[in-house]
Amino acid sequence: MKSKLQVSSMLLLIALVLSFVPAAALPESASAAQTCTDRAQFVADVTVPDGTRYDPGTAFTKTWRLRNSGTCTWTTAYTMVFDSGTQMGSTASVTFPQSVAPGATVDLSVNMTAPSGAGHYLGYWKFKNASGAIFGIGVNANKAWWVEINVTGSTQGGVAYDFTA
């Protein structure tokens, strides 16, 4: 009987000691996992200030400087994509030349051509992240930045008039 009592006491003591040992950390649920936020801030028109005048068919390169104001690092899997307006002969998307950490800036350029008709033209751009989500600038990261040009003169047969000839 004494040995049964000793075994019971020993088991009780082990259980008591184990009750003070912290349980192993449980894995976090997917909903509790921390996620980052994509957001951009317009910094400057590096080239082609708003309202720049071009002759019809003139090639130009538009460069914007944008800041990563979110918490995600922009990788080379991110792209700048044409959103709306006049595309001006540009490609539909431009890949990032390097990763951009939160708080850092990047200069992104697009080769464009002024339309053949005289007028006021705007082209709007946003970003697409590696998952395919579109984001931009502003408080809600949903606004686009733009290129704005004025085309003067006109063309005949695709060639601008040459008044000095």
N, C-alpha and C. Protein backbone atom coordinates (compact mmCIF):
# COMPACT_ATOMS: atom_id res chain seq x y z
N MET A 1 0.82 -1.17 0.00
CA MET A 1 0.00 0.00 0.00
C MET A 1 0.88 1.25 0.00
N LYS A 2 1.98 1.15 0.74
CA LYS A 2 2.86 2.30 0.83
C LYS A 2 3.44 2.63 -0.54
N SER A 3 3.77 1.64 -1.36
CA SER A 3 4.34 1.90 -2.67
C SER A 3 3.32 2.54 -3.61
N LYS A 4 2.04 2.16 -3.49
CA LYS A 4 1.00 2.78 -4.32
C LYS A 4 0.85 4.24 -3.93
N LEU A 5 0.95 4.53 -2.65
CA LEU A 5 0.84 5.89 -2.17
C LEU A 5 2.02 6.72 -2.65
N GLN A 6 3.21 6.13 -2.65
CA GLN A 6 4.40 6.84 -3.12
C GLN A 6 4.29 7.13 -4.63
N VAL A 7 3.80 6.18 -5.40
CA VAL A 7 3.65 6.36 -6.84
C VAL A 7 2.62 7.46 -7.11
N SER A 8 1.51 7.43 -6.40
CA SER A 8 0.47 8.44 -6.57
C SER A 8 1.01 9.82 -6.20
N SER A 9 1.76 9.90 -5.12
CA SER A 9 2.34 11.17 -4.69
C SER A 9 3.33 11.69 -5.74
N MET A 10 4.11 10.78 -6.27
CA MET A 10 5.09 11.15 -7.27
C MET A 10 4.39 11.68 -8.53
N LEU A 11 3.34 11.04 -8.99
CA LEU A 11 2.59 11.47 -10.17
C LEU A 11 1.94 12.83 -9.93
N LEU A 12 1.41 13.00 -8.73
CA LEU A 12 0.79 14.27 -8.37
C LEU A 12 1.83 15.40 -8.37
N LEU A 13 3.00 15.11 -7.85
CA LEU A 13 4.08 16.09 -7.83
C LEU A 13 4.52 16.45 -9.25
N ILE A 14 4.63 15.48 -10.13
CA ILE A 14 5.01 15.73 -11.53
C ILE A 14 3.95 16.59 -12.22
N ALA A 15 2.69 16.27 -11.98
CA ALA A 15 1.59 17.04 -12.58
C ALA A 15 1.63 18.48 -12.09
N LEU A 16 1.92 18.67 -10.80
CA LEU A 16 1.99 20.01 -10.24
C LEU A 16 3.14 20.80 -10.87
N VAL A 17 4.29 20.19 -11.00
CA VAL A 17 5.45 20.85 -11.60
C VAL A 17 5.16 21.21 -13.05
N LEU A 18 4.57 20.29 -13.80
CA LEU A 18 4.27 20.55 -15.20
C LEU A 18 3.23 21.65 -15.38
N SER A 19 2.39 21.87 -14.41
CA SER A 19 1.37 22.91 -14.54
C SER A 19 1.99 24.31 -14.52
N PHE A 20 3.21 24.43 -14.01
CA PHE A 20 3.89 25.73 -13.98
C PHE A 20 4.77 25.96 -15.21
N VAL A 21 4.95 24.96 -16.05
CA VAL A 21 5.76 25.10 -17.25
C VAL A 21 4.87 25.69 -18.35
N PRO A 22 5.30 26.79 -19.01
CA PRO A 22 4.45 27.39 -20.06
C PRO A 22 4.27 26.42 -21.22
N ALA A 23 3.08 26.48 -21.79
CA ALA A 23 2.79 25.64 -22.95
C ALA A 23 3.59 26.15 -24.14
N ALA A 24 3.88 25.26 -25.08
CA ALA A 24 4.61 25.65 -26.29
C ALA A 24 3.79 26.69 -27.04
N ALA A 25 4.48 27.62 -27.65
CA ALA A 25 3.79 28.67 -28.41
C ALA A 25 3.01 28.04 -29.55
N LEU A 26 1.77 28.46 -29.67
CA LEU A 26 0.92 27.95 -30.74
C LEU A 26 1.18 28.76 -32.00
N PRO A 27 1.10 28.12 -33.18
CA PRO A 27 1.31 28.88 -34.41
C PRO A 27 0.21 29.93 -34.60
N GLU A 28 0.60 31.08 -35.18
CA GLU A 28 -0.37 32.15 -35.43
C GLU A 28 -1.32 31.73 -36.54
N SER A 29 -2.54 32.15 -36.44
CA SER A 29 -3.50 31.88 -37.50
C SER A 29 -3.21 32.80 -38.67
N ALA A 30 -3.69 32.46 -39.83
CA ALA A 30 -3.46 33.27 -41.02
C ALA A 30 -4.02 34.67 -40.85
N SER A 31 -5.15 34.79 -40.15
CA SER A 31 -5.75 36.11 -39.98
C SER A 31 -4.95 36.98 -39.02
N ALA A 32 -4.20 36.35 -38.13
CA ALA A 32 -3.42 37.12 -37.18
C ALA A 32 -2.05 37.50 -37.74
N ALA A 33 -1.67 36.89 -38.88
CA ALA A 33 -0.37 37.19 -39.47
C ALA A 33 -0.33 38.65 -39.91
N GLN A 34 0.81 39.28 -39.68
CA GLN A 34 0.94 40.69 -40.04
C GLN A 34 1.12 40.82 -41.54
N THR A 35 0.42 41.77 -42.15
CA THR A 35 0.55 42.02 -43.58
C THR A 35 1.07 43.44 -43.78
N CYS A 36 1.56 43.70 -44.98
CA CYS A 36 2.07 45.03 -45.28
C CYS A 36 1.07 45.78 -46.17
N THR A 37 1.31 47.07 -46.34
CA THR A 37 0.41 47.93 -47.11
C THR A 37 1.17 48.56 -48.26
N ASP A 38 0.58 48.49 -49.46
CA ASP A 38 1.15 49.16 -50.63
C ASP A 38 0.53 50.55 -50.75
N ARG A 39 1.40 51.55 -50.84
CA ARG A 39 0.94 52.93 -51.00
C ARG A 39 2.10 53.72 -51.61
N ALA A 40 1.76 54.68 -52.47
CA ALA A 40 2.78 55.50 -53.12
C ALA A 40 2.51 56.98 -52.87
N GLN A 41 3.55 57.78 -53.02
CA GLN A 41 3.43 59.23 -52.90
C GLN A 41 4.16 59.86 -54.08
N PHE A 42 3.48 60.74 -54.81
CA PHE A 42 4.11 61.47 -55.90
C PHE A 42 5.12 62.45 -55.30
N VAL A 43 6.33 62.48 -55.87
CA VAL A 43 7.37 63.39 -55.40
C VAL A 43 7.62 64.49 -56.42
N ALA A 44 7.85 64.11 -57.70
CA ALA A 44 8.20 65.13 -58.69
C ALA A 44 8.04 64.62 -60.11
N ASP A 45 7.79 65.57 -61.02
CA ASP A 45 7.93 65.31 -62.45
C ASP A 45 9.41 65.57 -62.74
N VAL A 46 10.17 64.53 -62.97
CA VAL A 46 11.60 64.69 -63.24
C VAL A 46 11.79 65.27 -64.64
N THR A 47 10.97 64.81 -65.58
CA THR A 47 10.97 65.36 -66.94
C THR A 47 9.54 65.69 -67.32
N VAL A 48 9.36 66.48 -68.34
CA VAL A 48 8.06 66.82 -68.92
C VAL A 48 7.09 67.37 -67.86
N PRO A 49 7.30 68.60 -67.42
CA PRO A 49 6.34 69.20 -66.49
C PRO A 49 4.94 69.27 -67.11
N ASP A 50 3.92 69.30 -66.27
CA ASP A 50 2.54 69.40 -66.75
C ASP A 50 2.40 70.57 -67.72
N GLY A 51 1.69 70.32 -68.83
CA GLY A 51 1.43 71.38 -69.80
C GLY A 51 2.52 71.58 -70.83
N THR A 52 3.56 70.73 -70.83
CA THR A 52 4.63 70.86 -71.82
C THR A 52 4.04 70.78 -73.22
N ARG A 53 4.55 71.64 -74.12
CA ARG A 53 4.06 71.68 -75.51
C ARG A 53 4.97 70.86 -76.42
N TYR A 54 4.33 70.08 -77.28
CA TYR A 54 5.06 69.28 -78.27
C TYR A 54 4.41 69.43 -79.62
N ASP A 55 5.21 69.30 -80.67
CA ASP A 55 4.68 69.18 -82.02
C ASP A 55 4.11 67.77 -82.17
N PRO A 56 3.16 67.58 -83.07
CA PRO A 56 2.59 66.25 -83.29
C PRO A 56 3.67 65.23 -83.64
N GLY A 57 3.55 64.05 -83.08
CA GLY A 57 4.47 62.96 -83.39
C GLY A 57 5.83 63.05 -82.73
N THR A 58 6.05 64.01 -81.86
CA THR A 58 7.34 64.16 -81.20
C THR A 58 7.51 63.09 -80.12
N ALA A 59 8.65 62.41 -80.16
CA ALA A 59 8.96 61.40 -79.13
C ALA A 59 9.51 62.11 -77.90
N PHE A 60 9.13 61.61 -76.73
CA PHE A 60 9.64 62.16 -75.47
C PHE A 60 9.65 61.06 -74.41
N THR A 61 10.40 61.29 -73.36
CA THR A 61 10.46 60.35 -72.24
C THR A 61 9.95 61.06 -71.00
N LYS A 62 8.91 60.49 -70.41
CA LYS A 62 8.34 61.02 -69.16
C LYS A 62 8.94 60.24 -68.00
N THR A 63 9.46 60.96 -67.01
CA THR A 63 10.00 60.33 -65.80
C THR A 63 9.34 60.94 -64.58
N TRP A 64 8.83 60.07 -63.71
CA TRP A 64 8.24 60.49 -62.44
C TRP A 64 9.13 60.00 -61.31
N ARG A 65 9.16 60.73 -60.22
CA ARG A 65 9.81 60.28 -58.98
C ARG A 65 8.67 60.01 -57.99
N LEU A 66 8.65 58.78 -57.47
CA LEU A 66 7.61 58.36 -56.53
C LEU A 66 8.25 57.76 -55.29
N ARG A 67 7.61 57.99 -54.14
CA ARG A 67 8.10 57.47 -52.87
C ARG A 67 7.23 56.28 -52.44
N ASN A 68 7.88 55.27 -51.90
CA ASN A 68 7.17 54.14 -51.29
C ASN A 68 6.73 54.60 -49.91
N SER A 69 5.46 54.99 -49.77
CA SER A 69 4.94 55.47 -48.49
C SER A 69 4.17 54.38 -47.75
N GLY A 70 4.25 53.16 -48.25
CA GLY A 70 3.61 52.03 -47.58
C GLY A 70 4.59 51.28 -46.70
N THR A 71 4.22 50.06 -46.36
CA THR A 71 5.07 49.23 -45.51
C THR A 71 5.64 48.02 -46.25
N CYS A 72 5.20 47.77 -47.48
CA CYS A 72 5.73 46.67 -48.30
C CYS A 72 6.95 47.16 -49.08
N THR A 73 7.93 46.31 -49.25
CA THR A 73 9.03 46.61 -50.17
C THR A 73 8.53 46.34 -51.58
N TRP A 74 8.72 47.30 -52.48
CA TRP A 74 8.36 47.10 -53.88
C TRP A 74 9.50 46.33 -54.53
N THR A 75 9.22 45.17 -55.03
CA THR A 75 10.24 44.33 -55.67
C THR A 75 10.21 44.53 -57.18
N THR A 76 11.10 43.86 -57.88
CA THR A 76 11.12 43.94 -59.34
C THR A 76 9.93 43.20 -59.94
N ALA A 77 9.11 42.55 -59.13
CA ALA A 77 7.86 41.94 -59.60
C ALA A 77 6.74 42.98 -59.68
N TYR A 78 6.96 44.17 -59.15
CA TYR A 78 5.98 45.26 -59.24
C TYR A 78 6.13 45.94 -60.60
N THR A 79 5.02 46.53 -61.09
CA THR A 79 5.06 47.26 -62.34
C THR A 79 4.28 48.57 -62.22
N MET A 80 4.66 49.53 -63.05
CA MET A 80 3.86 50.73 -63.23
C MET A 80 3.01 50.46 -64.46
N VAL A 81 1.69 50.65 -64.35
CA VAL A 81 0.78 50.28 -65.43
C VAL A 81 -0.06 51.47 -65.89
N PHE A 82 -0.32 51.51 -67.20
CA PHE A 82 -1.21 52.53 -67.75
C PHE A 82 -2.59 52.29 -67.20
N ASP A 83 -3.24 53.34 -66.70
CA ASP A 83 -4.55 53.21 -66.07
C ASP A 83 -5.68 53.72 -66.97
N SER A 84 -5.55 54.94 -67.48
CA SER A 84 -6.62 55.51 -68.31
C SER A 84 -6.11 56.76 -69.00
N GLY A 85 -6.97 57.33 -69.85
CA GLY A 85 -6.59 58.53 -70.58
C GLY A 85 -5.99 58.18 -71.92
N THR A 86 -5.01 58.97 -72.34
CA THR A 86 -4.33 58.75 -73.62
C THR A 86 -2.98 58.10 -73.36
N GLN A 87 -2.75 56.95 -73.98
CA GLN A 87 -1.52 56.19 -73.73
C GLN A 87 -0.31 56.79 -74.43
N MET A 88 -0.51 57.56 -75.45
CA MET A 88 0.55 58.27 -76.18
C MET A 88 1.64 57.34 -76.69
N GLY A 89 1.23 56.22 -77.22
CA GLY A 89 2.18 55.30 -77.85
C GLY A 89 3.09 54.56 -76.89
N SER A 90 2.83 54.67 -75.61
CA SER A 90 3.72 54.03 -74.62
C SER A 90 3.37 52.56 -74.44
N THR A 91 4.27 51.85 -73.80
CA THR A 91 4.02 50.48 -73.39
C THR A 91 2.96 50.50 -72.30
N ALA A 92 2.26 49.38 -72.12
CA ALA A 92 1.19 49.32 -71.11
C ALA A 92 1.72 49.18 -69.70
N SER A 93 2.97 48.72 -69.55
CA SER A 93 3.53 48.56 -68.20
C SER A 93 5.05 48.70 -68.24
N VAL A 94 5.59 49.08 -67.09
CA VAL A 94 7.03 49.26 -66.91
C VAL A 94 7.43 48.55 -65.63
N THR A 95 8.44 47.68 -65.71
CA THR A 95 8.88 46.97 -64.51
C THR A 95 9.81 47.85 -63.68
N PHE A 96 9.85 47.57 -62.39
CA PHE A 96 10.73 48.31 -61.49
C PHE A 96 12.17 47.90 -61.75
N PRO A 97 13.10 48.86 -61.83
CA PRO A 97 14.50 48.54 -62.10
C PRO A 97 15.22 47.90 -60.91
N GLN A 98 14.70 48.14 -59.70
CA GLN A 98 15.29 47.57 -58.48
C GLN A 98 14.22 47.57 -57.40
N SER A 99 14.49 46.88 -56.30
CA SER A 99 13.56 46.90 -55.17
C SER A 99 13.59 48.28 -54.52
N VAL A 100 12.43 48.68 -53.96
CA VAL A 100 12.30 49.99 -53.33
C VAL A 100 11.75 49.79 -51.92
N ALA A 101 12.57 50.05 -50.93
CA ALA A 101 12.18 49.87 -49.53
C ALA A 101 11.19 50.95 -49.11
N PRO A 102 10.39 50.69 -48.08
CA PRO A 102 9.50 51.72 -47.56
C PRO A 102 10.29 52.99 -47.22
N GLY A 103 9.78 54.14 -47.65
CA GLY A 103 10.44 55.42 -47.41
C GLY A 103 11.38 55.85 -48.52
N ALA A 104 11.79 54.92 -49.38
CA ALA A 104 12.72 55.23 -50.46
C ALA A 104 11.96 55.72 -51.70
N THR A 105 12.69 56.36 -52.62
CA THR A 105 12.09 56.83 -53.86
C THR A 105 12.64 56.05 -55.05
N VAL A 106 11.90 56.12 -56.15
CA VAL A 106 12.32 55.50 -57.40
C VAL A 106 11.92 56.42 -58.54
N ASP A 107 12.78 56.51 -59.56
CA ASP A 107 12.45 57.23 -60.79
C ASP A 107 12.03 56.20 -61.83
N LEU A 108 10.84 56.37 -62.39
CA LEU A 108 10.33 55.46 -63.41
C LEU A 108 10.05 56.26 -64.67
N SER A 109 10.49 55.72 -65.81
CA SER A 109 10.38 56.42 -67.09
C SER A 109 9.58 55.62 -68.10
N VAL A 110 8.88 56.36 -68.97
CA VAL A 110 8.10 55.76 -70.05
C VAL A 110 8.38 56.55 -71.32
N ASN A 111 8.73 55.85 -72.40
CA ASN A 111 8.89 56.49 -73.70
C ASN A 111 7.52 56.68 -74.32
N MET A 112 7.25 57.90 -74.79
CA MET A 112 5.95 58.24 -75.35
C MET A 112 6.13 59.03 -76.64
N THR A 113 5.02 59.18 -77.36
CA THR A 113 4.99 59.99 -78.57
C THR A 113 3.76 60.87 -78.53
N ALA A 114 3.94 62.16 -78.79
CA ALA A 114 2.81 63.08 -78.81
C ALA A 114 1.83 62.66 -79.90
N PRO A 115 0.53 62.68 -79.61
CA PRO A 115 -0.47 62.32 -80.62
C PRO A 115 -0.36 63.21 -81.87
N SER A 116 -0.96 62.76 -82.97
CA SER A 116 -0.84 63.48 -84.24
C SER A 116 -1.78 64.67 -84.35
N GLY A 117 -2.79 64.75 -83.50
CA GLY A 117 -3.72 65.88 -83.54
C GLY A 117 -3.46 66.88 -82.44
N ALA A 118 -3.69 68.15 -82.77
CA ALA A 118 -3.51 69.20 -81.76
C ALA A 118 -4.52 68.99 -80.64
N GLY A 119 -4.11 69.29 -79.41
CA GLY A 119 -5.02 69.17 -78.28
C GLY A 119 -4.31 69.01 -76.95
N HIS A 120 -5.11 68.84 -75.94
CA HIS A 120 -4.65 68.67 -74.56
C HIS A 120 -4.79 67.19 -74.22
N TYR A 121 -3.70 66.54 -73.76
CA TYR A 121 -3.72 65.10 -73.52
C TYR A 121 -3.24 64.75 -72.12
N LEU A 122 -3.92 63.81 -71.52
CA LEU A 122 -3.56 63.29 -70.19
C LEU A 122 -3.52 61.77 -70.24
N GLY A 123 -2.52 61.20 -69.60
CA GLY A 123 -2.42 59.75 -69.43
C GLY A 123 -2.19 59.46 -67.96
N TYR A 124 -2.98 58.54 -67.40
CA TYR A 124 -2.93 58.25 -65.96
C TYR A 124 -2.27 56.90 -65.72
N TRP A 125 -1.48 56.82 -64.64
CA TRP A 125 -0.69 55.63 -64.32
C TRP A 125 -0.86 55.25 -62.86
N LYS A 126 -0.74 53.94 -62.58
CA LYS A 126 -0.77 53.40 -61.22
C LYS A 126 0.25 52.27 -61.13
N PHE A 127 0.31 51.63 -59.97
CA PHE A 127 1.19 50.48 -59.75
C PHE A 127 0.39 49.20 -59.66
N LYS A 128 1.05 48.09 -59.98
CA LYS A 128 0.49 46.76 -59.77
C LYS A 128 1.51 45.98 -58.95
N ASN A 129 1.07 45.39 -57.83
CA ASN A 129 2.01 44.64 -56.99
C ASN A 129 2.19 43.22 -57.50
N ALA A 130 3.02 42.44 -56.83
CA ALA A 130 3.35 41.09 -57.26
C ALA A 130 2.14 40.17 -57.27
N SER A 131 1.10 40.49 -56.49
CA SER A 131 -0.12 39.69 -56.46
C SER A 131 -1.15 40.16 -57.48
N GLY A 132 -0.85 41.22 -58.21
CA GLY A 132 -1.76 41.72 -59.22
C GLY A 132 -2.70 42.81 -58.74
N ALA A 133 -2.58 43.23 -57.48
CA ALA A 133 -3.44 44.29 -56.94
C ALA A 133 -2.94 45.65 -57.43
N ILE A 134 -3.88 46.49 -57.87
CA ILE A 134 -3.57 47.83 -58.36
C ILE A 134 -3.64 48.81 -57.19
N PHE A 135 -2.65 49.71 -57.11
CA PHE A 135 -2.67 50.75 -56.07
C PHE A 135 -2.04 52.02 -56.61
N GLY A 136 -2.24 53.11 -55.88
CA GLY A 136 -1.73 54.39 -56.35
C GLY A 136 -1.33 55.30 -55.22
N ILE A 137 -1.59 56.59 -55.42
CA ILE A 137 -1.22 57.61 -54.46
C ILE A 137 -2.46 58.07 -53.71
N GLY A 138 -2.27 58.93 -52.72
CA GLY A 138 -3.39 59.47 -51.96
C GLY A 138 -3.64 58.71 -50.67
N VAL A 139 -4.53 59.25 -49.86
CA VAL A 139 -4.84 58.67 -48.55
C VAL A 139 -5.29 57.22 -48.66
N ASN A 140 -6.08 56.92 -49.67
CA ASN A 140 -6.58 55.55 -49.85
C ASN A 140 -5.78 54.76 -50.87
N ALA A 141 -4.66 55.30 -51.32
CA ALA A 141 -3.78 54.63 -52.29
C ALA A 141 -4.53 54.20 -53.55
N ASN A 142 -5.49 55.02 -53.99
CA ASN A 142 -6.28 54.65 -55.17
C ASN A 142 -6.28 55.71 -56.27
N LYS A 143 -5.50 56.75 -56.11
CA LYS A 143 -5.43 57.83 -57.11
C LYS A 143 -4.25 57.59 -58.05
N ALA A 144 -4.41 58.05 -59.29
CA ALA A 144 -3.35 57.91 -60.29
C ALA A 144 -2.50 59.18 -60.35
N TRP A 145 -1.30 59.06 -60.90
CA TRP A 145 -0.49 60.22 -61.26
C TRP A 145 -0.52 60.27 -62.79
N TRP A 146 -0.04 61.35 -63.40
CA TRP A 146 -0.30 61.53 -64.82
C TRP A 146 0.83 62.21 -65.56
N VAL A 147 0.72 62.11 -66.88
CA VAL A 147 1.50 62.92 -67.81
C VAL A 147 0.47 63.82 -68.48
N GLU A 148 0.81 65.11 -68.61
CA GLU A 148 -0.10 66.08 -69.22
C GLU A 148 0.68 66.90 -70.24
N ILE A 149 0.27 66.81 -71.50
CA ILE A 149 0.95 67.58 -72.55
C ILE A 149 -0.08 68.31 -73.41
N ASN A 150 0.42 69.30 -74.14
CA ASN A 150 -0.37 70.00 -75.15
C ASN A 150 0.32 69.81 -76.48
N VAL A 151 -0.43 69.36 -77.47
CA VAL A 151 0.11 69.19 -78.81
C VAL A 151 -0.34 70.39 -79.62
N THR A 152 0.64 71.08 -80.21
CA THR A 152 0.35 72.28 -80.99
C THR A 152 0.55 71.97 -82.47
N GLY A 153 -0.11 72.71 -83.32
CA GLY A 153 0.01 72.48 -84.75
C GLY A 153 -0.80 71.27 -85.16
N SER A 154 -0.59 70.85 -86.37
CA SER A 154 -1.29 69.67 -86.88
C SER A 154 -0.39 68.97 -87.87
N THR A 155 -0.82 67.81 -88.28
CA THR A 155 -0.04 67.05 -89.25
C THR A 155 -0.86 66.86 -90.50
N GLN A 156 -0.16 66.67 -91.59
CA GLN A 156 -0.82 66.32 -92.84
C GLN A 156 -0.07 65.11 -93.36
N GLY A 157 -0.78 64.00 -93.47
CA GLY A 157 -0.14 62.78 -93.92
C GLY A 157 0.86 62.27 -92.92
N GLY A 158 0.67 62.59 -91.63
CA GLY A 158 1.56 62.09 -90.58
C GLY A 158 2.82 62.91 -90.43
N VAL A 159 2.97 64.02 -91.17
CA VAL A 159 4.17 64.85 -91.09
C VAL A 159 3.76 66.23 -90.60
N ALA A 160 4.46 66.76 -89.62
CA ALA A 160 4.16 68.11 -89.12
C ALA A 160 4.52 69.14 -90.18
N TYR A 161 3.76 70.23 -90.24
CA TYR A 161 4.08 71.32 -91.16
C TYR A 161 5.44 71.90 -90.81
N ASP A 162 6.21 72.20 -91.83
CA ASP A 162 7.51 72.83 -91.65
C ASP A 162 7.42 74.22 -92.25
N PHE A 163 7.21 75.23 -91.40
CA PHE A 163 7.01 76.59 -91.88
C PHE A 163 8.31 77.28 -92.25
N THR A 164 9.45 76.66 -91.99
CA THR A 164 10.73 77.29 -92.33
C THR A 164 11.27 76.78 -93.65
N ALA A 165 10.62 75.80 -94.25
CA ALA A 165 11.12 75.22 -95.50
C ALA A 165 10.84 76.11 -96.68
